C-alpha atoms as a PDB file:
ATOM      1  CA  MET A   1      -7.666 -23.693   3.159  1.00  0.00           C
ATOM      2  CA  GLU A   2      -9.226 -23.632   6.615  1.00  0.00           C
ATOM      3  CA  GLY A   3      -7.051 -26.549   7.678  1.00  0.00           C
ATOM      4  CA  HIS A   4      -3.906 -24.793   6.513  1.00  0.00           C
ATOM      5  CA  ALA A   5      -4.977 -21.565   8.210  1.00  0.00           C
ATOM      6  CA  SER A   6      -5.600 -23.383  11.497  1.00  0.00           C
ATOM      7  CA  VAL A   7      -2.147 -24.958  11.399  1.00  0.00           C
ATOM      8  CA  ALA A   8      -0.544 -21.606  10.562  1.00  0.00           C
ATOM      9  CA  GLU A   9      -2.386 -19.994  13.458  1.00  0.00           C
ATOM     10  CA  TRP A  10      -1.382 -22.759  15.866  1.00  0.00           C
ATOM     11  CA  LEU A  11       2.270 -22.822  14.760  1.00  0.00           C
ATOM     12  CA  PRO A  12       3.360 -19.335  13.656  1.00  0.00           C
ATOM     13  CA  VAL A  13       6.659 -19.551  11.787  1.00  0.00           C
ATOM     14  CA  ARG A  14       8.943 -16.758  10.606  1.00  0.00           C
ATOM     15  CA  VAL A  15      11.478 -17.729   7.958  1.00  0.00           C
ATOM     16  CA  LEU A  16      14.602 -15.862   6.912  1.00  0.00           C
ATOM     17  CA  HIS A  17      16.647 -17.278   4.027  1.00  0.00           C
ATOM     18  CA  ALA A  18      19.026 -16.058   1.355  1.00  0.00           C
ATOM     19  CA  GLY A  19      16.131 -15.153  -0.953  1.00  0.00           C
ATOM     20  CA  SER A  20      14.496 -13.056   1.762  1.00  0.00           C
ATOM     21  CA  PHE A  21      17.092 -10.358   1.241  1.00  0.00           C
ATOM     22  CA  GLU A  22      15.627  -9.682  -2.211  1.00  0.00           C
ATOM     23  CA  LEU A  23      12.443  -8.480  -0.501  1.00  0.00           C
ATOM     24  CA  LEU A  24      13.141  -4.802  -1.096  1.00  0.00           C
ATOM     25  CA  THR A  25      14.012  -5.145  -4.769  1.00  0.00           C
ATOM     26  CA  GLY A  26      11.620  -7.954  -5.676  1.00  0.00           C
ATOM     27  CA  ALA A  27       7.997  -7.965  -6.782  1.00  0.00           C
ATOM     28  CA  PRO A  28       5.262  -6.430  -4.566  1.00  0.00           C
ATOM     29  CA  GLU A  29       3.685  -9.889  -4.063  1.00  0.00           C
ATOM     30  CA  GLU A  30       6.453 -10.867  -1.631  1.00  0.00           C
ATOM     31  CA  ARG A  31       6.097  -7.706   0.454  1.00  0.00           C
ATOM     32  CA  ARG A  32       2.314  -8.051   0.421  1.00  0.00           C
ATOM     33  CA  ARG A  33       2.633 -11.674   1.572  1.00  0.00           C
ATOM     34  CA  LEU A  34       4.838 -10.560   4.469  1.00  0.00           C
ATOM     35  CA  LEU A  35       2.307  -7.902   5.460  1.00  0.00           C
ATOM     36  CA  ASP A  36      -0.645 -10.292   5.245  1.00  0.00           C
ATOM     37  CA  TRP A  37       1.189 -12.842   7.439  1.00  0.00           C
ATOM     38  CA  GLY A  38       1.456 -10.233  10.157  1.00  0.00           C
ATOM     39  CA  CYS A  39      -2.151  -9.061   9.826  1.00  0.00           C
ATOM     40  CA  PHE A  40      -3.390 -12.657   9.833  1.00  0.00           C
ATOM     41  CA  HIS A  41      -1.790 -13.314  13.218  1.00  0.00           C
ATOM     42  CA  ALA A  42      -2.270  -9.892  14.783  1.00  0.00           C
ATOM     43  CA  THR A  43      -5.778  -8.911  13.718  1.00  0.00           C
ATOM     44  CA  GLY A  44      -8.594 -11.267  14.687  1.00  0.00           C
ATOM     45  CA  PRO A  45     -11.157 -10.542  11.910  1.00  0.00           C
ATOM     46  CA  TYR A  46      -8.507 -10.118   9.207  1.00  0.00           C
ATOM     47  CA  ARG A  47      -8.665 -13.640   7.822  1.00  0.00           C
ATOM     48  CA  TRP A  48     -12.458 -13.483   7.438  1.00  0.00           C
ATOM     49  CA  GLN A  49     -12.331  -9.972   5.914  1.00  0.00           C
ATOM     50  CA  TRP A  50      -9.574 -11.020   3.504  1.00  0.00           C
ATOM     51  CA  GLN A  51     -11.556 -14.076   2.424  1.00  0.00           C
ATOM     52  CA  GLN A  52     -14.672 -11.937   1.850  1.00  0.00           C
ATOM     53  CA  TRP A  53     -12.712  -9.454  -0.250  1.00  0.00           C
ATOM     54  CA  ARG A  54     -10.926 -12.202  -2.183  1.00  0.00           C
ATOM     55  CA  ARG A  55     -14.188 -13.933  -3.045  1.00  0.00           C
ATOM     56  CA  ALA A  56     -15.803 -10.700  -4.285  1.00  0.00           C
ATOM     57  CA  HIS A  57     -12.659  -9.751  -6.212  1.00  0.00           C
ATOM     58  CA  GLU A  58     -12.464 -13.113  -7.997  1.00  0.00           C
ATOM     59  CA  GLN A  59     -16.202 -13.144  -8.775  1.00  0.00           C
ATOM     60  CA  ARG A  60     -16.061  -9.623 -10.202  1.00  0.00           C
ATOM     61  CA  ASN A  61     -13.056 -10.559 -12.341  1.00  0.00           C
ATOM     62  CA  ALA A  62     -14.849 -13.671 -13.602  1.00  0.00           C
ATOM     63  CA  ALA A  63     -17.856 -11.561 -14.615  1.00  0.00           C
ATOM     64  CA  LEU A  64     -15.583  -8.983 -16.296  1.00  0.00           C
ATOM     65  CA  ARG A  65     -13.839 -11.700 -18.318  1.00  0.00           C
ATOM     66  CA  LYS A  66     -17.213 -12.948 -19.549  1.00  0.00           C
ATOM     67  CA  GLY A  67     -18.275  -9.419 -20.474  1.00  0.00           C
ATOM     68  CA  ASN A  68     -21.124  -9.541 -17.945  1.00  0.00           C
ATOM     69  CA  HIS A  69     -20.675  -5.974 -16.761  1.00  0.00           C
ATOM     70  CA  ARG A  70     -23.961  -5.808 -14.879  1.00  0.00           C
ATOM     71  CA  ALA A  71     -23.043  -8.843 -12.788  1.00  0.00           C
ATOM     72  CA  ALA A  72     -19.566  -7.418 -12.182  1.00  0.00           C
ATOM     73  CA  ARG A  73     -21.077  -4.315 -10.621  1.00  0.00           C
ATOM     74  CA  GLU A  74     -23.075  -6.453  -8.186  1.00  0.00           C
ATOM     75  CA  PHE A  75     -19.814  -7.549  -6.553  1.00  0.00           C
ATOM     76  CA  GLU A  76     -18.424  -4.044  -6.120  1.00  0.00           C
ATOM     77  CA  ARG A  77     -20.232  -3.280  -2.862  1.00  0.00           C
ATOM     78  CA  PRO A  78     -18.961  -6.324  -0.886  1.00  0.00           C
ATOM     79  CA  LEU A  79     -15.558  -5.862  -2.522  1.00  0.00           C
ATOM     80  CA  VAL A  80     -15.366  -2.269  -1.292  1.00  0.00           C
ATOM     81  CA  GLU A  81     -16.622  -3.035   2.218  1.00  0.00           C
ATOM     82  CA  ALA A  82     -14.135  -5.859   2.799  1.00  0.00           C
ATOM     83  CA  GLY A  83     -11.363  -4.060   0.909  1.00  0.00           C
ATOM     84  CA  GLU A  84     -11.639  -0.970   3.098  1.00  0.00           C
ATOM     85  CA  SER A  85     -11.589  -3.147   6.228  1.00  0.00           C
ATOM     86  CA  ILE A  86      -8.434  -5.053   5.323  1.00  0.00           C
ATOM     87  CA  THR A  87      -6.730  -1.822   4.227  1.00  0.00           C
ATOM     88  CA  GLN A  88      -7.466  -0.241   7.613  1.00  0.00           C
ATOM     89  CA  ALA A  89      -6.093  -3.354   9.317  1.00  0.00           C
ATOM     90  CA  ARG A  90      -2.956  -3.218   7.172  1.00  0.00           C
ATOM     91  CA  GLU A  91      -2.364   0.447   8.003  1.00  0.00           C
ATOM     92  CA  ALA A  92      -2.805  -0.163  11.734  1.00  0.00           C
ATOM     93  CA  TYR A  93      -0.453  -3.133  11.605  1.00  0.00           C
ATOM     94  CA  ILE A  94       2.255  -1.189   9.754  1.00  0.00           C
ATOM     95  CA  HIS A  95       2.185   1.551  12.392  1.00  0.00           C
ATOM     96  CA  ARG A  96       2.941  -1.017  15.111  1.00  0.00           C
ATOM     97  CA  TRP A  97       5.332  -2.970  12.885  1.00  0.00           C
ATOM     98  CA  GLN A  98       7.609   0.038  12.458  1.00  0.00           C
ATOM     99  CA  SER A  99       7.984   0.403  16.214  1.00  0.00           C
ATOM    100  CA  SER A 100       8.534  -3.316  16.706  1.00  0.00           C
ATOM    101  CA  THR A 101      11.117  -3.407  13.907  1.00  0.00           C
ATOM    102  CA  ALA A 102      13.094  -0.663  15.644  1.00  0.00           C
ATOM    103  CA  LYS A 103      13.058  -2.675  18.884  1.00  0.00           C
ATOM    104  CA  ALA A 104      14.136  -5.839  17.061  1.00  0.00           C
ATOM    105  CA  ALA A 105      17.005  -3.965  15.419  1.00  0.00           C
ATOM    106  CA  GLU A 106      18.082  -2.751  18.844  1.00  0.00           C
ATOM    107  CA  SER A 107      18.021  -6.281  20.271  1.00  0.00           C
ATOM    108  CA  PHE A 108      20.097  -7.481  17.305  1.00  0.00           C
ATOM    109  CA  GLY A 109      22.645  -4.747  17.880  1.00  0.00           C
ATOM    110  CA  PHE A 110      22.304  -2.766  14.668  1.00  0.00           C
ATOM    111  CA  SER A 111      19.680  -0.132  15.373  1.00  0.00           C
ATOM    112  CA  GLY A 112      22.265   2.573  14.628  1.00  0.00           C
ATOM    113  CA  ARG A 113      22.485   1.339  11.034  1.00  0.00           C
ATOM    114  CA  LEU A 114      18.733   1.739  10.553  1.00  0.00           C
ATOM    115  CA  ASP A 115      18.174   5.262  11.867  1.00  0.00           C
ATOM    116  CA  GLY A 116      15.428   7.153  10.087  1.00  0.00           C
ATOM    117  CA  PHE A 117      13.699   4.210   8.423  1.00  0.00           C
ATOM    118  CA  ARG A 118       9.967   4.406   7.791  1.00  0.00           C
ATOM    119  CA  ILE A 119       7.344   1.920   6.603  1.00  0.00           C
ATOM    120  CA  ARG A 120       4.438   3.213   4.536  1.00  0.00           C
ATOM    121  CA  LEU A 121       1.495   1.411   2.961  1.00  0.00           C
ATOM    122  CA  ARG A 122       0.644   1.916  -0.683  1.00  0.00           C
ATOM    123  CA  VAL A 123      -3.007   0.987  -0.549  1.00  0.00           C
ATOM    124  CA  GLY A 124      -3.371  -0.065  -4.189  1.00  0.00           C
ATOM    125  CA  TRP A 125      -5.174   2.979  -5.534  1.00  0.00           C
ATOM    126  CA  ASP A 126      -4.862   6.772  -5.565  1.00  0.00           C
ATOM    127  CA  ARG A 127      -5.281   7.924  -1.953  1.00  0.00           C
ATOM    128  CA  GLU A 128      -7.072  11.012  -3.210  1.00  0.00           C
ATOM    129  CA  TYR A 129     -10.123   8.794  -3.689  1.00  0.00           C
ATOM    130  CA  SER A 130     -11.975   6.229  -1.633  1.00  0.00           C
ATOM    131  CA  LEU A 131     -11.855   2.634  -2.851  1.00  0.00           C
ATOM    132  CA  ALA A 132     -15.415   2.949  -4.146  1.00  0.00           C
ATOM    133  CA  GLU A 133     -14.496   6.089  -6.101  1.00  0.00           C
ATOM    134  CA  ALA A 134     -11.309   4.482  -7.433  1.00  0.00           C
ATOM    135  CA  ILE A 135     -13.233   1.452  -8.705  1.00  0.00           C
ATOM    136  CA  GLU A 136     -15.853   3.670 -10.320  1.00  0.00           C
ATOM    137  CA  ARG A 137     -13.139   5.662 -12.099  1.00  0.00           C
ATOM    138  CA  SER A 138     -11.393   2.456 -13.197  1.00  0.00           C
ATOM    139  CA  ARG A 139     -14.566   0.625 -14.249  1.00  0.00           C
ATOM    140  CA  PRO A 140     -14.476   1.446 -18.008  1.00  0.00           C
ATOM    141  CA  SER A 141     -10.867   0.248 -18.242  1.00  0.00           C
ATOM    142  CA  ASP A 142     -11.634  -2.800 -16.080  1.00  0.00           C
ATOM    143  CA  GLU A 143     -14.495  -3.746 -18.407  1.00  0.00           C
ATOM    144  CA  GLU A 144     -12.243  -3.341 -21.425  1.00  0.00           C
ATOM    145  CA  ARG A 145      -9.363  -5.387 -19.982  1.00  0.00           C
ATOM    146  CA  GLY A 146     -11.443  -7.973 -18.139  1.00  0.00           C
ATOM    147  CA  PHE A 147     -10.023  -7.586 -14.629  1.00  0.00           C
ATOM    148  CA  GLY A 148      -9.902  -5.146 -11.715  1.00  0.00           C
ATOM    149  CA  GLN A 149      -6.907  -2.821 -11.734  1.00  0.00           C
ATOM    150  CA  VAL A 150      -7.236  -1.037  -8.405  1.00  0.00           C
ATOM    151  CA  GLY A 151      -7.695  -2.342  -4.881  1.00  0.00           C
ATOM    152  CA  PRO A 152      -5.923  -4.224  -2.085  1.00  0.00           C
ATOM    153  CA  GLN A 153      -4.502  -6.716  -4.619  1.00  0.00           C
ATOM    154  CA  ARG A 154      -2.211  -3.897  -5.798  1.00  0.00           C
ATOM    155  CA  ALA A 155      -1.051  -2.901  -2.322  1.00  0.00           C
ATOM    156  CA  ASP A 156       2.638  -2.640  -1.489  1.00  0.00           C
ATOM    157  CA  ILE A 157       4.821  -1.511   1.378  1.00  0.00           C
ATOM    158  CA  GLU A 158       7.322   1.283   0.870  1.00  0.00           C
ATOM    159  CA  LEU A 159      10.442   1.399   3.038  1.00  0.00           C
ATOM    160  CA  ARG A 160      12.559   4.521   3.282  1.00  0.00           C
ATOM    161  CA  PHE A 161      15.724   5.729   5.003  1.00  0.00           C
ATOM    162  CA  ASP A 162      15.715   9.448   5.840  1.00  0.00           C
ATOM    163  CA  GLY A 163      13.356  10.170   2.951  1.00  0.00           C
ATOM    164  CA  ARG A 164      15.112   8.010   0.345  1.00  0.00           C
ATOM    165  CA  SER A 165      13.943   4.625  -0.835  1.00  0.00           C
ATOM    166  CA  ALA A 166      15.472   1.623   0.916  1.00  0.00           C
ATOM    167  CA  ILE A 167      16.344   0.332  -2.557  1.00  0.00           C
ATOM    168  CA  GLU A 168      19.016   3.060  -2.629  1.00  0.00           C
ATOM    169  CA  ALA A 169      20.496   1.940   0.697  1.00  0.00           C
ATOM    170  CA  SER A 170      23.666  -0.119   0.883  1.00  0.00           C
ATOM    171  CA  ARG A 171      23.371  -3.879   0.549  1.00  0.00           C
ATOM    172  CA  GLY A 172      24.357  -4.251   4.206  1.00  0.00           C
ATOM    173  CA  GLU A 173      21.640  -1.838   5.335  1.00  0.00           C
ATOM    174  CA  GLN A 174      19.050  -3.656   3.231  1.00  0.00           C
ATOM    175  CA  LYS A 175      19.959  -7.033   4.747  1.00  0.00           C
ATOM    176  CA  ARG A 176      19.810  -5.632   8.268  1.00  0.00           C
ATOM    177  CA  LEU A 177      16.443  -4.031   7.550  1.00  0.00           C
ATOM    178  CA  VAL A 178      14.914  -7.270   6.227  1.00  0.00           C
ATOM    179  CA  THR A 179      16.294  -9.105   9.274  1.00  0.00           C
ATOM    180  CA  ALA A 180      14.812  -6.494  11.607  1.00  0.00           C
ATOM    181  CA  LEU A 181      11.442  -6.561   9.797  1.00  0.00           C
ATOM    182  CA  THR A 182      11.257 -10.327  10.286  1.00  0.00           C
ATOM    183  CA  GLY A 183      12.331 -10.062  13.902  1.00  0.00           C
ATOM    184  CA  GLY A 184       9.862  -7.234  14.450  1.00  0.00           C
ATOM    185  CA  GLN A 185       6.998  -9.423  13.261  1.00  0.00           C
ATOM    186  CA  ALA A 186       8.072 -12.244  15.552  1.00  0.00           C
ATOM    187  CA  ARG A 187       8.325  -9.835  18.458  1.00  0.00           C
ATOM    188  CA  MET A 188       4.880  -8.370  17.749  1.00  0.00           C
ATOM    189  CA  LEU A 189       3.354 -11.824  17.607  1.00  0.00           C
ATOM    190  CA  GLU A 190       4.585 -12.693  21.085  1.00  0.00           C
ATOM    191  CA  VAL A 191       3.722  -9.316  22.632  1.00  0.00           C
ATOM    192  CA  GLU A 192       0.236  -9.061  21.132  1.00  0.00           C
ATOM    193  CA  THR A 193      -0.914 -12.685  21.188  1.00  0.00           C
ATOM    194  CA  GLY A 194       1.263 -14.362  23.822  1.00  0.00           C
ATOM    195  CA  ARG A 195       2.324 -17.009  21.298  1.00  0.00           C
ATOM    196  CA  ALA A 196       6.037 -17.462  20.773  1.00  0.00           C
ATOM    197  CA  PRO A 197       7.073 -17.865  17.136  1.00  0.00           C
ATOM    198  CA  VAL A 198       9.283 -20.541  15.634  1.00  0.00           C
ATOM    199  CA  VAL A 199      12.122 -18.873  13.714  1.00  0.00           C
ATOM    200  CA  LEU A 200      13.835 -20.635  10.809  1.00  0.00           C
ATOM    201  CA  LEU A 201      17.144 -19.242   9.537  1.00  0.00           C
ATOM    202  CA  ASP A 202      18.325 -20.925   6.353  1.00  0.00           C
ATOM    203  CA  ASP A 203      21.946 -20.094   5.499  1.00  0.00           C
ATOM    204  CA  VAL A 204      21.634 -16.434   6.505  1.00  0.00           C
ATOM    205  CA  VAL A 205      25.121 -16.644   7.983  1.00  0.00           C
ATOM    206  CA  SER A 206      26.586 -16.415   4.482  1.00  0.00           C
ATOM    207  CA  GLU A 207      24.502 -13.302   3.731  1.00  0.00           C
ATOM    208  CA  LEU A 208      25.410 -11.188   6.788  1.00  0.00           C
ATOM    209  CA  ASP A 209      28.770 -10.010   8.074  1.00  0.00           C
ATOM    210  CA  VAL A 210      30.175 -11.495  11.278  1.00  0.00           C
ATOM    211  CA  VAL A 211      29.139  -8.574  13.493  1.00  0.00           C
ATOM    212  CA  ALA A 212      25.556  -8.689  12.211  1.00  0.00           C
ATOM    213  CA  VAL A 213      25.354 -12.482  12.677  1.00  0.00           C
ATOM    214  CA  GLU A 214      26.697 -12.226  16.233  1.00  0.00           C
ATOM    215  CA  GLY A 215      24.121  -9.562  17.081  1.00  0.00           C
ATOM    216  CA  LEU A 216      21.299 -11.513  15.478  1.00  0.00           C
ATOM    217  CA  MET A 217      22.155 -14.714  17.337  1.00  0.00           C
ATOM    218  CA  ALA A 218      22.556 -12.903  20.645  1.00  0.00           C
ATOM    219  CA  GLY A 219      19.162 -11.273  20.230  1.00  0.00           C
ATOM    220  CA  LEU A 220      17.476 -14.548  19.300  1.00  0.00           C
ATOM    221  CA  LEU A 221      19.072 -16.385  22.238  1.00  0.00           C
ATOM    222  CA  GLU A 222      17.818 -13.685  24.579  1.00  0.00           C
ATOM    223  CA  SER A 223      14.293 -13.888  23.149  1.00  0.00           C
ATOM    224  CA  GLY A 224      13.828 -17.485  24.281  1.00  0.00           C
ATOM    225  CA  TRP A 225      12.136 -18.440  20.992  1.00  0.00           C
ATOM    226  CA  GLN A 226      12.678 -21.778  19.344  1.00  0.00           C
ATOM    227  CA  VAL A 227      15.147 -21.127  16.541  1.00  0.00           C
ATOM    228  CA  PHE A 228      16.434 -23.484  13.838  1.00  0.00           C
ATOM    229  CA  VAL A 229      19.596 -22.390  12.038  1.00  0.00           C
ATOM    230  CA  SER A 230      21.003 -24.161   8.980  1.00  0.00           C
ATOM    231  CA  ALA A 231      24.536 -23.422   7.772  1.00  0.00           C
ATOM    232  CA  VAL A 232      27.361 -25.055   5.858  1.00  0.00           C
ATOM    233  CA  ASP A 233      29.916 -24.109   8.518  1.00  0.00           C
ATOM    234  CA  PRO A 234      29.049 -25.394  12.010  1.00  0.00           C
ATOM    235  CA  ASN A 235      30.956 -22.512  13.628  1.00  0.00           C
ATOM    236  CA  ILE A 236      28.235 -19.885  13.707  1.00  0.00           C
ATOM    237  CA  PRO A 237      29.285 -16.527  15.200  1.00  0.00           C
ATOM    238  CA  GLY A 238      27.373 -15.833  18.390  1.00  0.00           C
ATOM    239  CA  LEU A 239      26.459 -19.469  19.032  1.00  0.00           C
ATOM    240  CA  ASP A 240      29.896 -20.855  19.818  1.00  0.00           C
ATOM    241  CA  GLY A 241      29.859 -22.409  23.260  1.00  0.00           C
ATOM    242  CA  SER A 242      26.196 -21.591  23.970  1.00  0.00           C
ATOM    243  CA  GLN A 243      24.675 -24.206  26.276  1.00  0.00           C
ATOM    244  CA  SER A 244      21.174 -23.443  24.977  1.00  0.00           C
ATOM    245  CA  THR A 245      21.977 -24.751  21.497  1.00  0.00           C
ATOM    246  CA  GLN A 246      22.132 -28.243  20.034  1.00  0.00           C
ATOM    247  CA  LEU A 247      24.046 -29.116  16.869  1.00  0.00           C
ATOM    248  CA  PHE A 248      22.889 -31.656  14.279  1.00  0.00           C
ATOM    249  CA  HIS A 249      24.839 -32.831  11.256  1.00  0.00           C
ATOM    250  CA  VAL A 250      23.106 -33.708   7.982  1.00  0.00           C
ATOM    251  CA  GLU A 251      24.888 -35.791   5.363  1.00  0.00           C
ATOM    252  CA  HIS A 252      23.338 -37.787   2.499  1.00  0.00           C
ATOM    253  CA  GLY A 253      19.904 -37.299   4.034  1.00  0.00           C
ATOM    254  CA  VAL A 254      20.937 -38.732   7.416  1.00  0.00           C
ATOM    255  CA  VAL A 255      20.609 -36.541  10.533  1.00  0.00           C
ATOM    256  CA  THR A 256      22.949 -37.212  13.450  1.00  0.00           C
ATOM    257  CA  ARG A 257      23.207 -35.412  16.754  1.00  0.00           C
ATOM    258  CA  ASP A 258      26.633 -33.898  17.218  1.00  0.00           C
END
């Protein structure tokens, strides 16, 4: 785990592929993974705090499954302390992420299509209570079911356009928003850490209209990041004739420089 984390820290990669556009309608795990990627790179203690919370969460669940309720309660204090810390880090990151997403959308040329969008964190429990209070209220049900039901593991991000859920937005708006969210994270990484990201675009050309692709490519070229784009058609809008690009052809597993 530490080895993988070190590599991820040394080589930050943002990936956008056809499946990425299901982010808004898919399971919370994918949105939570996106959020944790950003916090991992942007918040120094986050990885350690997340590991502390994860360890306490898993140990409490193991005790609950065995019916050892007394032991389960012993893990609640470290779980709450680390859980509150990573939740605060997530909330702080989302505040900056919204601003960076707006700037990314502007650089990609479709900020006008994303007016009024907001990002909000669902912390994973009723905000009326602290995490400690939420766990105490959930404890009888947790003991009955054998696992914790409230906490950072249930967190999600909510995206809205002018007060309505982004799920209700048009398909084109959703795709532009996911693209801007990814670009916003890459932009934040460079601004806050000084490390330029590597951006991988896998067949996104087929998912976006020509105008959106042209804007995206223009914005990425201007950023100066290292970008890898895969596509079936070599004529990618916005990259035609660019001297800063290099084309490779892949056929039957053989890569040739075009």
